[in-house]
Amino acid sequence: AQHDRIVVKTGTKIKVIPVQDVLYLEAADDYVNIHTAAGAFLKNKTMNFFEQILDPNLFTRVHRSYLVRVEQITRIDPYEKETHILILKSGAKIPVSKAGYAKLKLVLGI
C-alpha cells in the first residue's frame, strides 16, 4: 500500500510530512534522512522500507543510498566511469549508480 504521509519525531514533537513535499531520501546508517524544502528529517527506517511504501512512479532508487522524487530531476550529468549525477530543482546533487541509471532511463523513457 502506498502512503501519502511520513510521520517523524523531532525531539518531543511529531512532524507529519506529506509525501508530495519529499524531494529525496538519503540513507544514514540505520536511519533515512527525508529531504524537503523545509529541511531534512531523520526517520528510524531503512531505504528498503521507503522503497516499498512510496509510489514507484513518483520515486526511483537511483543509488543504494538515494531514493529520488522523479519530478524533481532537472538534469542528469555524466560523472566518472559509468556513473552519473542528478541535479534536482533544489540544486541538490545526487549520485547515480550504474543500476540506478538503467532504472532511471526506464522511468524517464530515455
Protein backbone atom coordinates (compact mmCIF):
# COMPACT_ATOMS: atom_id res chain seq x y z
CA ALA A 1 0.00 0.00 0.00
CA GLN A 2 1.29 3.45 -0.89
CA HIS A 3 1.42 6.08 1.81
CA ASP A 4 0.64 9.78 1.41
CA ARG A 5 2.48 10.98 4.51
CA ILE A 6 5.52 10.17 6.63
CA VAL A 7 5.46 10.78 10.37
CA VAL A 8 8.73 11.65 12.12
CA LYS A 9 9.59 12.53 15.71
CA THR A 10 11.86 15.52 16.29
CA GLY A 11 12.60 15.68 19.99
CA THR A 12 9.22 15.73 21.71
CA LYS A 13 7.39 16.95 18.61
CA ILE A 14 5.77 14.82 15.95
CA LYS A 15 6.02 16.09 12.39
CA VAL A 16 3.75 14.92 9.59
CA ILE A 17 5.41 15.22 6.18
CA PRO A 18 3.13 14.93 3.15
CA VAL A 19 4.80 12.66 0.59
CA GLN A 20 4.37 15.37 -2.07
CA ASP A 21 6.77 17.55 -0.01
CA VAL A 22 9.57 14.96 -0.15
CA LEU A 23 12.39 15.86 -2.58
CA TYR A 24 14.61 12.85 -1.95
CA LEU A 25 15.61 10.34 0.72
CA GLU A 26 19.17 9.63 1.78
CA ALA A 27 20.38 6.63 3.78
CA ALA A 28 22.21 7.45 7.01
CA ASP A 29 23.25 4.24 8.83
CA ASP A 30 20.05 2.77 10.35
CA TYR A 31 18.11 5.93 9.55
CA VAL A 32 16.86 7.68 6.46
CA ASN A 33 17.20 11.44 6.01
CA ILE A 34 14.00 12.75 4.42
CA HIS A 35 14.81 15.92 2.49
CA THR A 36 12.06 18.51 1.97
CA ALA A 37 12.08 22.20 1.03
CA ALA A 38 11.59 22.92 4.76
CA GLY A 39 14.65 20.91 5.82
CA ALA A 40 15.73 17.33 6.47
CA PHE A 41 14.15 14.93 8.95
CA LEU A 42 15.54 11.64 10.28
CA LYS A 43 13.35 8.54 10.38
CA ASN A 44 14.39 5.27 12.03
CA LYS A 45 13.58 3.13 8.97
CA THR A 46 15.51 1.60 6.08
CA MET A 47 15.66 2.62 2.42
CA ASN A 48 14.01 -0.69 1.55
CA PHE A 49 11.06 0.24 3.77
CA PHE A 50 10.59 3.52 1.88
CA GLU A 51 11.08 1.83 -1.47
CA GLN A 52 8.15 -0.46 -0.56
CA ILE A 53 5.76 2.25 0.68
CA LEU A 54 6.43 5.06 -1.82
CA ASP A 55 4.82 5.07 -5.27
CA PRO A 56 7.42 3.70 -7.73
CA ASN A 57 6.02 6.02 -10.41
CA LEU A 58 6.99 9.00 -8.26
CA PHE A 59 10.17 7.81 -6.52
CA THR A 60 13.12 5.94 -8.02
CA ARG A 61 16.05 4.32 -6.25
CA VAL A 62 19.00 5.77 -8.17
CA HIS A 63 21.71 4.60 -5.77
CA ARG A 64 21.82 2.30 -2.76
CA SER A 65 21.79 5.42 -0.57
CA TYR A 66 19.30 7.57 -2.51
CA LEU A 67 15.63 7.47 -3.45
CA VAL A 68 14.62 10.47 -5.57
CA ARG A 69 11.31 12.10 -6.48
CA VAL A 70 11.41 11.85 -10.28
CA GLU A 71 9.67 15.19 -10.95
CA GLN A 72 12.46 16.97 -9.01
CA ILE A 73 15.12 15.98 -11.55
CA THR A 74 16.26 18.80 -13.81
CA ARG A 75 19.46 17.32 -15.24
CA ILE A 76 21.49 14.13 -15.47
CA ASP A 77 25.21 14.70 -15.94
CA PRO A 78 27.83 12.06 -16.70
CA TYR A 79 30.26 11.57 -13.83
CA GLU A 80 33.33 9.37 -13.88
CA LYS A 81 33.17 5.88 -15.38
CA GLU A 82 29.60 4.59 -15.91
CA THR A 83 28.11 6.80 -13.20
CA HIS A 84 26.02 9.95 -13.31
CA ILE A 85 24.99 12.86 -11.10
CA LEU A 86 21.39 14.07 -10.85
CA ILE A 87 20.77 17.77 -10.41
CA LEU A 88 17.48 18.43 -8.64
CA LYS A 89 15.35 21.58 -8.81
CA SER A 90 16.60 22.44 -5.31
CA GLY A 91 20.19 22.36 -6.60
CA ALA A 92 20.97 19.13 -4.72
CA LYS A 93 23.41 16.79 -6.47
CA ILE A 94 22.64 13.08 -6.17
CA PRO A 95 24.98 10.27 -7.23
CA VAL A 96 23.51 7.69 -9.61
CA SER A 97 24.84 4.14 -9.78
CA LYS A 98 25.02 2.12 -12.99
CA ALA A 99 21.92 0.12 -11.94
CA GLY A 100 20.18 3.32 -10.82
CA TYR A 101 20.81 4.92 -14.20
CA ALA A 102 19.31 1.91 -16.00
CA LYS A 103 16.21 2.22 -13.79
CA LEU A 104 16.05 5.97 -14.35
CA LYS A 105 16.18 5.57 -18.13
CA LEU A 106 13.13 3.29 -17.93
CA VAL A 107 11.20 5.67 -15.67
CA LEU A 108 12.03 8.74 -17.79
CA GLY A 109 11.60 6.92 -21.10
CA ILE A 110 15.11 7.71 -22.36
